[in-house]
Amino acid sequence: MIRFNCARADRFFSLSAVVVLLGLATLMLPARAEAQFSVFGGYSYLRGSVPVGQFGGPPISQHTDLASGWEISGKYSLIPFIGAVADFGGNYGKLDGANVNVNTYLFGPELALPGKISPFAHVLIGAAHERQNPITAGPFFSLGSDTSFATAFGGGIDVKLMPFVAVRLIQVDYLRTQWHGATQGEPRISAGLVLHF
């Protein structure tokens, strides 16, 4: 199990996200005419599965709504149907009076059917960082923060509004993490705008 200082881990992962997005942006400059770069940004909801300790028993997972969230991603497509995605997200909420933050840093291939209505599916792998403040109520206690390997399987539907702008009506992912020695499965739902360059 790998543990990081929360402030250093947040700075490291935020800097990594910026570097990857800038790298993807520079890749599009020398590309052939059919290459395309797109950026998605919007709202994200995560039904969090948060591991907590309990007095007199083993750790358990509690579910909570991490309803304050965001997600951004960049996709670089060399051919119309297949692209490489870098996806970053943050979801925030409370559990037993304590703040809970989840940040994801995921990468992988995406298949999309181009058109006015464009369904897509992707498989993403990377890391997820979870941070809990001390719990102030109930028979449970915080396990602190942890970083783990993460995967996300999902897809969604984009609807083109004009040549360079689309609306992501919905994106649904199944996010799998392994914080504090246990496996969590968490649904994530996002929606927002997609810009094509």
Protein backbone atom coordinates (compact mmCIF):
# COMPACT_ATOMS: atom_id res chain seq x y z
CA MET A 1 0.00 0.00 0.00
CA ILE A 2 1.40 3.40 -1.01
CA ARG A 3 0.71 6.44 1.15
CA PHE A 4 1.47 10.05 0.25
CA ASN A 5 1.45 13.36 1.99
CA CYS A 6 -1.96 14.79 0.91
CA ALA A 7 -0.71 18.24 -0.11
CA ARG A 8 2.25 16.83 -2.06
CA ALA A 9 0.11 14.18 -3.75
CA ASP A 10 -2.48 16.77 -4.84
CA ARG A 11 0.25 19.03 -6.27
CA PHE A 12 1.92 16.10 -8.04
CA PHE A 13 -1.29 14.84 -9.64
CA SER A 14 -2.46 18.34 -10.61
CA LEU A 15 0.89 19.06 -12.27
CA SER A 16 0.77 15.67 -14.02
CA ALA A 17 -2.68 16.48 -15.43
CA VAL A 18 -1.47 19.79 -16.86
CA VAL A 19 1.65 18.19 -18.39
CA VAL A 20 -0.37 15.41 -20.06
CA LEU A 21 -2.95 17.81 -21.51
CA LEU A 22 -0.21 20.08 -22.85
CA GLY A 23 1.52 17.06 -24.35
CA LEU A 24 -1.67 15.99 -26.09
CA ALA A 25 -2.15 19.53 -27.41
CA THR A 26 1.35 19.60 -28.92
CA LEU A 27 0.81 16.21 -30.55
CA MET A 28 -1.95 17.66 -32.70
CA LEU A 29 0.33 20.26 -34.33
CA PRO A 30 2.27 18.01 -36.73
CA ALA A 31 -0.64 15.62 -37.31
CA ARG A 32 -2.14 14.71 -40.65
CA ALA A 33 -5.33 16.42 -41.84
CA GLU A 34 -7.64 13.73 -40.43
CA ALA A 35 -6.24 14.08 -36.89
CA GLN A 36 -8.55 15.70 -34.36
CA PHE A 37 -8.19 16.94 -30.81
CA SER A 38 -11.20 17.41 -28.51
CA VAL A 39 -11.60 18.63 -24.96
CA PHE A 40 -14.49 17.75 -22.63
CA GLY A 41 -15.31 19.67 -19.47
CA GLY A 42 -18.30 19.39 -17.19
CA TYR A 43 -20.08 18.29 -14.04
CA SER A 44 -19.42 14.92 -12.43
CA TYR A 45 -21.33 12.93 -9.79
CA LEU A 46 -19.75 9.97 -7.98
CA ARG A 47 -21.57 7.53 -5.71
CA GLY A 48 -18.59 7.03 -3.43
CA SER A 49 -17.73 3.84 -1.59
CA VAL A 50 -15.58 5.11 1.28
CA PRO A 51 -13.62 2.70 3.52
CA VAL A 52 -13.87 3.68 7.21
CA GLY A 53 -12.75 2.10 10.45
CA GLN A 54 -15.25 1.04 13.09
CA PHE A 55 -14.61 0.70 16.78
CA GLY A 56 -14.67 -2.95 17.82
CA GLY A 57 -14.75 -4.32 14.27
CA PRO A 58 -13.01 -4.52 10.90
CA PRO A 59 -13.05 -1.61 8.42
CA ILE A 60 -16.18 -1.34 6.26
CA SER A 61 -17.20 0.68 3.21
CA GLN A 62 -19.88 3.32 3.52
CA HIS A 63 -21.66 4.86 0.56
CA THR A 64 -22.02 8.60 0.18
CA ASP A 65 -22.96 11.05 -2.57
CA LEU A 66 -19.93 12.97 -3.83
CA ALA A 67 -22.19 15.33 -5.75
CA SER A 68 -19.89 18.33 -6.09
CA GLY A 69 -17.59 17.31 -8.89
CA TRP A 70 -15.86 18.11 -12.15
CA GLU A 71 -14.30 16.18 -14.98
CA ILE A 72 -12.06 17.23 -17.86
CA SER A 73 -10.59 15.09 -20.59
CA GLY A 74 -8.63 15.47 -23.77
CA LYS A 75 -8.85 13.09 -26.72
CA TYR A 76 -6.48 12.82 -29.65
CA SER A 77 -7.88 10.92 -32.67
CA LEU A 78 -5.64 9.74 -35.50
CA ILE A 79 -8.59 8.06 -37.24
CA PRO A 80 -12.28 8.93 -36.85
CA PHE A 81 -13.22 5.92 -34.73
CA ILE A 82 -10.30 5.53 -32.32
CA GLY A 83 -8.71 8.02 -29.95
CA ALA A 84 -6.39 8.20 -26.94
CA VAL A 85 -7.96 9.82 -23.86
CA ALA A 86 -6.50 11.52 -20.79
CA ASP A 87 -9.24 11.98 -18.16
CA PHE A 88 -9.02 13.86 -14.85
CA GLY A 89 -11.73 14.34 -12.24
CA GLY A 90 -12.49 15.52 -8.74
CA ASN A 91 -15.51 14.67 -6.58
CA TYR A 92 -16.29 16.08 -3.17
CA GLY A 93 -18.83 15.39 -0.42
CA LYS A 94 -19.31 14.49 3.24
CA LEU A 95 -19.49 11.29 5.27
CA ASP A 96 -20.56 11.40 8.93
CA GLY A 97 -19.74 15.11 9.04
CA ALA A 98 -16.27 14.73 7.48
CA ASN A 99 -15.15 15.98 4.09
CA VAL A 100 -14.29 13.30 1.51
CA ASN A 101 -12.35 14.07 -1.70
CA VAL A 102 -11.72 11.71 -4.61
CA ASN A 103 -9.41 12.60 -7.52
CA THR A 104 -8.88 10.41 -10.59
CA TYR A 105 -6.11 10.38 -13.23
CA LEU A 106 -7.02 7.97 -16.04
CA PHE A 107 -5.78 7.17 -19.55
CA GLY A 108 -6.81 4.81 -22.32
CA PRO A 109 -8.42 4.15 -25.70
CA GLU A 110 -11.86 5.35 -26.76
CA LEU A 111 -14.05 4.14 -29.62
CA ALA A 112 -16.59 6.61 -31.04
CA LEU A 113 -19.04 6.64 -33.94
CA PRO A 114 -18.71 10.09 -35.55
CA GLY A 115 -21.89 11.90 -36.54
CA LYS A 116 -24.43 14.40 -35.27
CA ILE A 117 -25.24 11.91 -32.49
CA SER A 118 -21.99 10.22 -31.47
CA PRO A 119 -21.99 7.31 -29.00
CA PHE A 120 -18.63 6.33 -27.50
CA ALA A 121 -17.09 3.75 -25.18
CA HIS A 122 -13.75 3.66 -23.39
CA VAL A 123 -11.52 1.65 -21.08
CA LEU A 124 -9.32 3.81 -18.84
CA ILE A 125 -6.57 2.92 -16.36
CA GLY A 126 -4.54 5.04 -13.97
CA ALA A 127 -4.67 6.14 -10.35
CA ALA A 128 -7.18 7.46 -7.85
CA HIS A 129 -6.50 9.41 -4.66
CA GLU A 130 -8.99 9.47 -1.78
CA ARG A 131 -8.76 11.76 1.25
CA GLN A 132 -10.94 11.74 4.37
CA ASN A 133 -10.98 14.34 7.11
CA PRO A 134 -11.45 13.00 10.65
CA ILE A 135 -15.02 11.79 11.23
CA THR A 136 -16.80 13.80 13.90
CA ALA A 137 -19.93 11.67 14.48
CA GLY A 138 -21.01 8.04 14.78
CA PRO A 139 -19.17 4.81 15.66
CA PHE A 140 -16.66 5.14 12.80
CA PHE A 141 -13.25 6.74 12.35
CA SER A 142 -11.37 8.01 9.31
CA LEU A 143 -8.70 5.87 7.67
CA GLY A 144 -6.95 8.98 6.34
CA SER A 145 -5.90 9.12 2.70
CA ASP A 146 -4.78 6.53 0.18
CA THR A 147 -3.79 6.29 -3.48
CA SER A 148 -4.51 3.22 -5.57
CA PHE A 149 -4.55 1.78 -9.06
CA ALA A 150 -7.89 2.59 -10.75
CA THR A 151 -9.86 1.51 -13.80
CA ALA A 152 -12.96 2.95 -15.43
CA PHE A 153 -15.18 1.26 -18.00
CA GLY A 154 -17.96 3.22 -19.61
CA GLY A 155 -19.29 5.37 -22.38
CA GLY A 156 -21.79 8.02 -23.32
CA ILE A 157 -23.42 10.10 -26.03
CA ASP A 158 -22.30 13.40 -27.58
CA VAL A 159 -24.68 15.54 -29.67
CA LYS A 160 -23.15 18.03 -32.12
CA LEU A 161 -24.50 21.60 -31.84
CA MET A 162 -22.22 23.18 -34.47
CA PRO A 163 -19.01 22.16 -36.29
CA PHE A 164 -16.72 22.65 -33.28
CA VAL A 165 -19.08 22.28 -30.30
CA ALA A 166 -21.01 19.30 -28.93
CA VAL A 167 -22.96 18.57 -25.76
CA ARG A 168 -22.11 15.46 -23.80
CA LEU A 169 -25.61 14.46 -22.76
CA ILE A 170 -24.35 11.74 -20.47
CA GLN A 171 -21.25 9.75 -19.66
CA VAL A 172 -21.50 6.78 -17.30
CA ASP A 173 -18.44 5.00 -15.92
CA TYR A 174 -17.89 2.15 -13.49
CA LEU A 175 -14.88 3.26 -11.44
CA ARG A 176 -12.95 0.53 -9.62
CA THR A 177 -10.44 1.40 -6.87
CA GLN A 178 -8.54 -0.41 -4.10
CA TRP A 179 -8.18 1.97 -1.17
CA HIS A 180 -7.09 0.78 2.29
CA GLY A 181 -6.74 -2.86 1.21
CA ALA A 182 -10.33 -3.25 -0.05
CA THR A 183 -11.90 -3.09 -3.50
CA GLN A 184 -14.51 -0.45 -4.27
CA GLY A 185 -16.90 -0.20 -7.25
CA GLU A 186 -18.33 3.26 -7.80
CA PRO A 187 -20.67 4.62 -10.51
CA ARG A 188 -19.71 8.00 -11.95
CA ILE A 189 -22.00 10.15 -14.12
CA SER A 190 -20.86 13.22 -16.06
CA ALA A 191 -22.22 15.75 -18.53
CA GLY A 192 -20.93 18.94 -20.14
CA LEU A 193 -19.49 20.51 -23.29
CA VAL A 194 -17.07 19.09 -25.87
CA LEU A 195 -14.91 21.39 -28.03
CA HIS A 196 -13.32 20.02 -31.24
CA PHE A 197 -10.15 21.48 -32.75
